N, C-alpha and C. Protein backbone atom coordinates (compact mmCIF):
# COMPACT_ATOMS: atom_id res chain seq x y z
N UNK A 1 9.69 35.42 22.31
CA UNK A 1 8.90 35.82 23.40
C UNK A 1 9.02 35.07 24.58
N UNK A 2 9.48 33.81 24.10
CA UNK A 2 9.79 32.73 25.23
C UNK A 2 10.86 33.14 25.92
N UNK A 3 11.99 33.74 25.48
CA UNK A 3 13.04 33.97 26.16
C UNK A 3 12.91 35.40 27.06
N UNK A 4 11.85 36.18 26.36
CA UNK A 4 11.69 37.52 27.06
C UNK A 4 10.59 37.30 28.44
N UNK A 5 9.65 35.80 28.35
CA UNK A 5 9.25 35.59 29.46
C UNK A 5 10.26 35.03 30.68
N UNK A 6 11.33 34.42 30.34
CA UNK A 6 12.09 33.67 31.12
C UNK A 6 12.92 35.34 31.68
N UNK A 7 13.50 36.16 31.01
CA UNK A 7 14.15 37.59 31.47
C UNK A 7 13.20 38.04 32.30
N UNK A 8 11.90 38.31 32.04
CA UNK A 8 11.00 38.94 33.16
C UNK A 8 10.86 38.15 34.51
N UNK A 9 10.71 37.03 34.37
CA UNK A 9 10.62 36.10 35.45
C UNK A 9 11.95 36.33 36.40
N UNK A 10 13.15 36.10 35.76
CA UNK A 10 14.25 36.47 36.61
C UNK A 10 14.53 37.88 37.34
N UNK A 11 13.91 38.94 36.37
CA UNK A 11 13.56 40.02 36.93
C UNK A 11 12.77 40.46 38.00
N UNK A 12 12.08 39.34 38.42
CA UNK A 12 11.19 39.31 39.47
C UNK A 12 9.73 39.40 39.36
N UNK A 13 9.31 39.63 38.11
CA UNK A 13 7.94 39.97 37.81
C UNK A 13 7.12 38.36 38.02
N UNK A 14 5.95 38.79 38.41
CA UNK A 14 5.08 37.34 38.59
C UNK A 14 4.52 37.01 37.32
N UNK A 15 3.93 35.96 37.21
CA UNK A 15 3.09 35.41 36.22
C UNK A 15 2.12 36.24 35.43
N UNK A 16 1.23 36.86 36.36
CA UNK A 16 0.29 37.77 35.54
C UNK A 16 0.69 38.91 34.86
N UNK A 17 1.57 39.56 35.40
CA UNK A 17 2.54 40.59 34.83
C UNK A 17 2.95 40.32 33.55
N UNK A 18 3.81 39.15 33.67
CA UNK A 18 4.33 38.81 32.42
C UNK A 18 3.12 38.61 31.14
N UNK A 19 2.36 37.61 31.98
CA UNK A 19 1.20 37.63 30.80
C UNK A 19 0.33 38.94 30.15
N UNK A 20 0.19 39.95 31.16
CA UNK A 20 -0.35 40.86 30.51
C UNK A 20 0.60 41.70 29.77
N UNK A 21 1.74 42.03 30.01
CA UNK A 21 2.87 42.54 29.29
C UNK A 21 3.00 42.22 28.07
N UNK A 22 3.07 40.58 27.82
CA UNK A 22 3.66 40.13 26.47
C UNK A 22 2.10 39.75 25.66
N UNK A 23 1.08 40.02 26.28
CA UNK A 23 -0.55 39.69 25.60
C UNK A 23 -0.58 38.59 25.36
N UNK A 24 -0.33 37.51 26.38
CA UNK A 24 -0.45 36.09 26.23
C UNK A 24 -1.19 35.50 27.69
N UNK A 25 -1.83 34.29 27.56
CA UNK A 25 -2.29 33.80 28.95
C UNK A 25 -1.41 33.36 30.01
N UNK A 26 -1.81 33.59 31.29
CA UNK A 26 -0.94 32.98 32.28
C UNK A 26 -0.72 31.62 32.00
N UNK A 27 -1.38 30.84 31.69
CA UNK A 27 -1.05 29.22 31.69
C UNK A 27 -0.10 29.25 30.73
N UNK A 28 0.04 30.09 29.31
CA UNK A 28 0.98 30.00 28.55
C UNK A 28 2.42 30.30 29.26
N UNK A 29 2.34 31.41 29.82
CA UNK A 29 3.63 31.55 30.69
C UNK A 29 4.10 30.69 31.55
N UNK A 30 3.46 30.33 32.44
CA UNK A 30 3.59 29.11 33.22
C UNK A 30 4.25 27.78 32.31
N UNK A 31 3.57 27.48 31.29
CA UNK A 31 3.85 26.43 30.31
C UNK A 31 5.18 26.37 30.21
N UNK A 32 5.78 27.63 29.62
CA UNK A 32 7.31 28.04 29.34
C UNK A 32 8.15 28.16 30.27
N UNK A 33 7.77 28.65 31.35
CA UNK A 33 8.75 28.75 32.50
C UNK A 33 8.81 27.61 33.24
N UNK A 34 7.93 26.47 33.16
CA UNK A 34 8.23 24.94 33.64
C UNK A 34 8.99 24.22 32.54
N UNK A 35 8.86 24.20 31.23
CA UNK A 35 9.72 23.72 30.40
C UNK A 35 11.10 24.46 30.72
N UNK A 36 11.29 25.58 30.59
CA UNK A 36 12.82 26.11 30.88
C UNK A 36 13.29 25.46 32.10
N UNK A 37 12.72 25.80 33.18
CA UNK A 37 13.02 24.88 34.40
C UNK A 37 13.47 23.72 34.20
N UNK A 38 12.77 22.98 33.69
CA UNK A 38 12.85 21.24 33.17
C UNK A 38 14.39 21.15 32.39
N UNK A 39 14.31 21.75 31.10
CA UNK A 39 15.34 21.61 29.98
C UNK A 39 16.21 22.68 29.67
N UNK A 40 16.23 23.67 30.25
CA UNK A 40 16.94 25.00 30.22
C UNK A 40 16.82 25.65 28.78
N UNK A 41 17.77 26.06 28.10
CA UNK A 41 17.46 26.78 26.88
C UNK A 41 16.97 26.08 25.77
N UNK A 42 17.18 24.79 25.60
CA UNK A 42 16.85 23.80 24.46
C UNK A 42 15.26 23.44 24.66
N UNK A 43 14.61 23.67 25.79
CA UNK A 43 13.28 23.74 26.32
C UNK A 43 12.35 24.66 25.70
N UNK A 44 12.95 25.70 25.22
CA UNK A 44 12.20 26.96 24.66
C UNK A 44 11.81 26.74 23.26
N UNK A 45 12.72 25.87 22.41
CA UNK A 45 12.69 25.59 21.09
C UNK A 45 11.13 24.50 20.66
N UNK A 46 11.07 24.71 19.68
CA UNK A 46 9.86 23.85 19.38
C UNK A 46 10.10 22.50 19.41
N UNK A 47 8.99 21.79 19.55
CA UNK A 47 9.15 20.18 19.37
C UNK A 47 9.06 19.66 18.02
N UNK A 48 9.89 18.62 17.61
CA UNK A 48 9.63 18.36 16.38
C UNK A 48 8.48 17.43 16.49
N UNK A 49 8.43 16.89 15.25
CA UNK A 49 6.93 15.68 15.02
C UNK A 49 5.64 16.46 14.85
N UNK A 50 5.73 17.65 14.67
CA UNK A 50 4.30 18.50 14.91
C UNK A 50 3.55 18.49 13.53
N UNK A 51 2.31 17.76 13.37
CA UNK A 51 1.89 18.04 12.10
C UNK A 51 1.78 16.57 11.33
N UNK A 52 1.00 16.47 10.27
CA UNK A 52 0.71 15.19 9.51
C UNK A 52 2.08 15.02 8.70
N UNK A 53 2.65 13.60 8.86
CA UNK A 53 3.91 13.51 7.80
C UNK A 53 3.58 13.04 6.58
N UNK A 54 4.46 13.11 5.71
CA UNK A 54 4.34 12.95 4.26
C UNK A 54 4.07 11.75 4.06
N UNK A 55 3.22 11.60 3.00
CA UNK A 55 3.00 10.27 2.49
C UNK A 55 3.79 9.97 1.31
N UNK A 56 4.52 10.76 0.67
CA UNK A 56 5.43 10.80 -0.44
C UNK A 56 6.93 11.29 -0.08
N UNK A 57 7.75 10.58 -0.96
CA UNK A 57 9.06 11.22 -0.73
C UNK A 57 8.97 12.64 -1.80
N UNK A 58 10.02 13.26 -1.34
CA UNK A 58 10.33 14.71 -2.05
C UNK A 58 10.69 14.30 -3.63
N UNK A 59 11.32 13.14 -3.97
CA UNK A 59 11.72 12.67 -5.52
C UNK A 59 10.47 12.31 -6.01
N UNK A 60 9.52 11.59 -5.46
CA UNK A 60 8.07 11.15 -5.73
C UNK A 60 7.11 12.51 -6.12
N UNK A 61 7.22 13.45 -5.37
CA UNK A 61 6.59 14.81 -5.15
C UNK A 61 7.17 15.53 -6.91
N UNK A 62 8.59 15.66 -6.84
CA UNK A 62 9.03 16.25 -7.89
C UNK A 62 8.73 15.43 -9.06
N UNK A 63 8.55 14.47 -9.31
CA UNK A 63 8.35 13.42 -10.45
C UNK A 63 6.55 13.53 -10.94
N UNK A 64 5.74 13.90 -9.73
CA UNK A 64 4.51 13.99 -10.13
C UNK A 64 4.39 15.35 -10.83
N UNK A 65 5.09 16.49 -10.10
CA UNK A 65 4.77 17.65 -10.46
C UNK A 65 5.17 17.89 -11.96
N UNK A 66 6.43 17.08 -12.21
CA UNK A 66 6.97 17.16 -13.67
C UNK A 66 6.18 16.49 -14.69
N UNK A 67 5.34 15.56 -14.06
CA UNK A 67 4.39 14.68 -15.18
C UNK A 67 3.14 15.54 -15.30
N UNK A 68 2.69 16.49 -14.50
CA UNK A 68 1.71 17.09 -14.76
C UNK A 68 1.95 18.43 -15.59
N UNK A 69 3.00 18.92 -15.51
CA UNK A 69 3.39 20.09 -16.62
C UNK A 69 3.58 19.41 -17.88
N UNK A 70 3.82 18.15 -18.36
CA UNK A 70 4.08 17.69 -19.55
C UNK A 70 2.75 17.44 -20.47
N UNK A 71 2.87 17.57 -21.75
CA UNK A 71 1.49 17.28 -22.52
C UNK A 71 1.28 15.90 -22.58
N UNK A 72 0.12 15.33 -22.25
CA UNK A 72 -0.02 14.15 -22.67
C UNK A 72 0.08 13.34 -23.88
N UNK A 73 0.18 11.96 -23.87
CA UNK A 73 0.10 11.42 -25.23
C UNK A 73 -1.56 11.17 -25.70
N UNK A 74 -1.46 11.40 -26.90
CA UNK A 74 -3.21 11.22 -27.48
C UNK A 74 -3.77 12.53 -27.12
N UNK A 75 -3.34 13.66 -26.97
CA UNK A 75 -4.10 14.83 -26.99
C UNK A 75 -4.71 15.31 -27.85
N UNK A 76 -6.03 15.88 -27.69
CA UNK A 76 -6.84 16.25 -29.05
C UNK A 76 -6.80 17.51 -29.13
N UNK A 77 -7.07 17.78 -30.68
CA UNK A 77 -6.96 19.06 -31.09
C UNK A 77 -7.85 19.12 -32.17
N UNK A 78 -8.59 20.53 -32.49
CA UNK A 78 -9.51 20.95 -33.62
C UNK A 78 -8.94 20.97 -34.76
N UNK A 79 -9.16 20.14 -35.91
CA UNK A 79 -9.06 20.56 -37.29
C UNK A 79 -9.81 21.63 -37.62
N UNK A 80 -9.22 22.59 -38.77
CA UNK A 80 -9.88 23.70 -39.42
C UNK A 80 -11.15 23.04 -40.01
N UNK A 81 -11.80 21.94 -40.23
CA UNK A 81 -13.07 21.29 -40.64
C UNK A 81 -13.88 21.28 -39.58
N UNK A 82 -13.46 21.63 -38.01
CA UNK A 82 -14.44 21.48 -37.17
C UNK A 82 -14.44 20.01 -36.57
N UNK A 83 -13.43 19.19 -37.08
CA UNK A 83 -13.64 17.59 -36.29
C UNK A 83 -12.50 17.89 -35.12
N UNK A 84 -12.81 16.76 -34.38
CA UNK A 84 -12.04 16.70 -33.24
C UNK A 84 -10.81 15.27 -33.64
N UNK A 85 -9.77 15.52 -33.36
CA UNK A 85 -8.42 14.42 -34.01
C UNK A 85 -7.56 14.21 -32.80
N UNK A 86 -7.15 13.29 -32.56
CA UNK A 86 -6.12 12.65 -31.67
C UNK A 86 -4.80 12.60 -32.01
N UNK A 87 -3.90 13.00 -31.60
CA UNK A 87 -2.54 12.54 -31.86
C UNK A 87 -1.77 11.71 -31.29
N UNK A 88 -1.21 11.00 -31.93
CA UNK A 88 -0.71 9.66 -31.03
C UNK A 88 0.89 9.61 -31.20
N UNK A 89 1.67 10.00 -30.31
CA UNK A 89 3.19 10.00 -30.55
C UNK A 89 3.97 8.83 -30.67
N UNK A 90 2.94 7.72 -30.21
CA UNK A 90 3.88 6.27 -30.30
C UNK A 90 3.08 5.30 -31.08
N UNK A 91 3.38 5.51 -32.21
CA UNK A 91 2.65 4.29 -33.45
C UNK A 91 3.09 2.96 -32.76
N UNK A 92 2.12 2.20 -33.06
CA UNK A 92 2.34 0.79 -32.62
C UNK A 92 1.35 -0.03 -33.35
N UNK A 93 1.30 -1.46 -33.06
CA UNK A 93 0.27 -2.02 -33.59
C UNK A 93 -1.49 -1.68 -33.36
N UNK A 94 -1.83 -1.47 -34.68
CA UNK A 94 -3.17 -1.05 -34.64
C UNK A 94 -3.27 0.46 -34.31
N UNK A 95 -2.25 0.98 -34.58
CA UNK A 95 -2.09 2.51 -34.74
C UNK A 95 -1.95 3.14 -35.88
N UNK A 96 -2.20 4.46 -36.24
CA UNK A 96 -1.77 5.10 -37.61
C UNK A 96 -0.35 4.93 -37.84
N UNK A 97 0.10 5.07 -38.73
CA UNK A 97 1.43 4.76 -39.60
C UNK A 97 1.86 6.23 -39.76
N UNK A 98 3.07 6.38 -39.96
CA UNK A 98 3.78 7.76 -40.30
C UNK A 98 3.37 8.18 -41.14
N UNK A 99 2.61 7.69 -42.39
CA UNK A 99 2.29 8.33 -43.38
C UNK A 99 1.00 8.72 -43.19
N UNK A 100 0.15 8.85 -42.08
CA UNK A 100 -0.85 9.72 -41.80
C UNK A 100 -0.43 10.94 -40.71
N UNK A 101 0.86 10.94 -40.60
CA UNK A 101 1.38 11.81 -39.49
C UNK A 101 1.02 11.26 -38.23
N UNK A 102 0.64 10.13 -38.10
CA UNK A 102 0.22 9.74 -36.55
C UNK A 102 -0.90 10.33 -36.33
N UNK A 103 -1.51 10.63 -36.96
CA UNK A 103 -3.49 11.09 -36.81
C UNK A 103 -4.14 10.18 -37.03
N UNK A 104 -5.42 9.92 -36.06
CA UNK A 104 -6.23 9.12 -36.22
C UNK A 104 -7.59 10.05 -35.78
N UNK A 105 -8.79 9.18 -36.31
CA UNK A 105 -9.74 10.25 -35.94
C UNK A 105 -10.50 9.77 -35.09
N UNK A 106 -11.29 10.67 -34.14
CA UNK A 106 -11.93 9.89 -32.67
C UNK A 106 -13.01 9.16 -33.40
N UNK A 107 -13.72 9.70 -34.44
CA UNK A 107 -15.04 8.88 -34.68
C UNK A 107 -14.44 7.61 -35.27
N UNK A 108 -13.20 7.27 -35.63
CA UNK A 108 -12.59 6.16 -36.19
C UNK A 108 -12.52 6.30 -37.94
N UNK A 109 -12.80 7.41 -38.47
CA UNK A 109 -12.69 7.84 -39.73
C UNK A 109 -11.03 8.43 -40.19
N UNK A 110 -10.99 8.01 -41.19
CA UNK A 110 -9.56 8.50 -41.62
C UNK A 110 -9.19 9.88 -41.57
N UNK A 111 -7.91 10.50 -41.71
CA UNK A 111 -7.98 11.83 -41.34
C UNK A 111 -8.40 12.47 -42.52
N UNK A 112 -8.68 13.67 -42.69
CA UNK A 112 -9.09 14.54 -43.73
C UNK A 112 -7.99 14.78 -44.47
N UNK A 113 -8.14 14.76 -45.86
CA UNK A 113 -7.35 14.99 -46.86
C UNK A 113 -7.03 16.52 -47.02
N UNK A 114 -6.12 17.22 -47.15
CA UNK A 114 -5.81 18.78 -47.33
C UNK A 114 -6.38 19.37 -48.80
N UNK A 115 -6.36 18.23 -49.73
CA UNK A 115 -6.83 18.66 -50.94
C UNK A 115 -8.34 18.63 -51.44
N UNK A 116 -9.10 17.95 -50.16
CA UNK A 116 -10.49 18.03 -50.48
C UNK A 116 -11.24 18.59 -49.50
N UNK A 117 -11.97 19.76 -50.14
CA UNK A 117 -12.60 20.64 -49.35
C UNK A 117 -13.93 20.13 -48.73
N UNK A 118 -14.40 20.34 -47.42
CA UNK A 118 -15.71 19.85 -47.02
C UNK A 118 -16.36 20.83 -47.00
């Protein structure tokens, strides 16, 4: 549309006629004609630097997205007996051992035994 404004102006049309033909304001037409007269064809391009600058890098953004898509450690799960259990993928000091399957009770009780019905 900007180039069309210039073409119409070179054809001899006045600003009001150009604005009416293109469906924009006379102020807009004048603005683009002045920028073209001042800077030539590069003056018709958008100016850079518009909008808010990013606060994080693309690499940081990708890392955050991948973290959001992963299952968090210590996720909760309902057992068949209706109790809530947390699974801890990284056993360490004070954490359940491999013998309990890495399971610990949210209430601090031992994991239920599969041979003992409740």
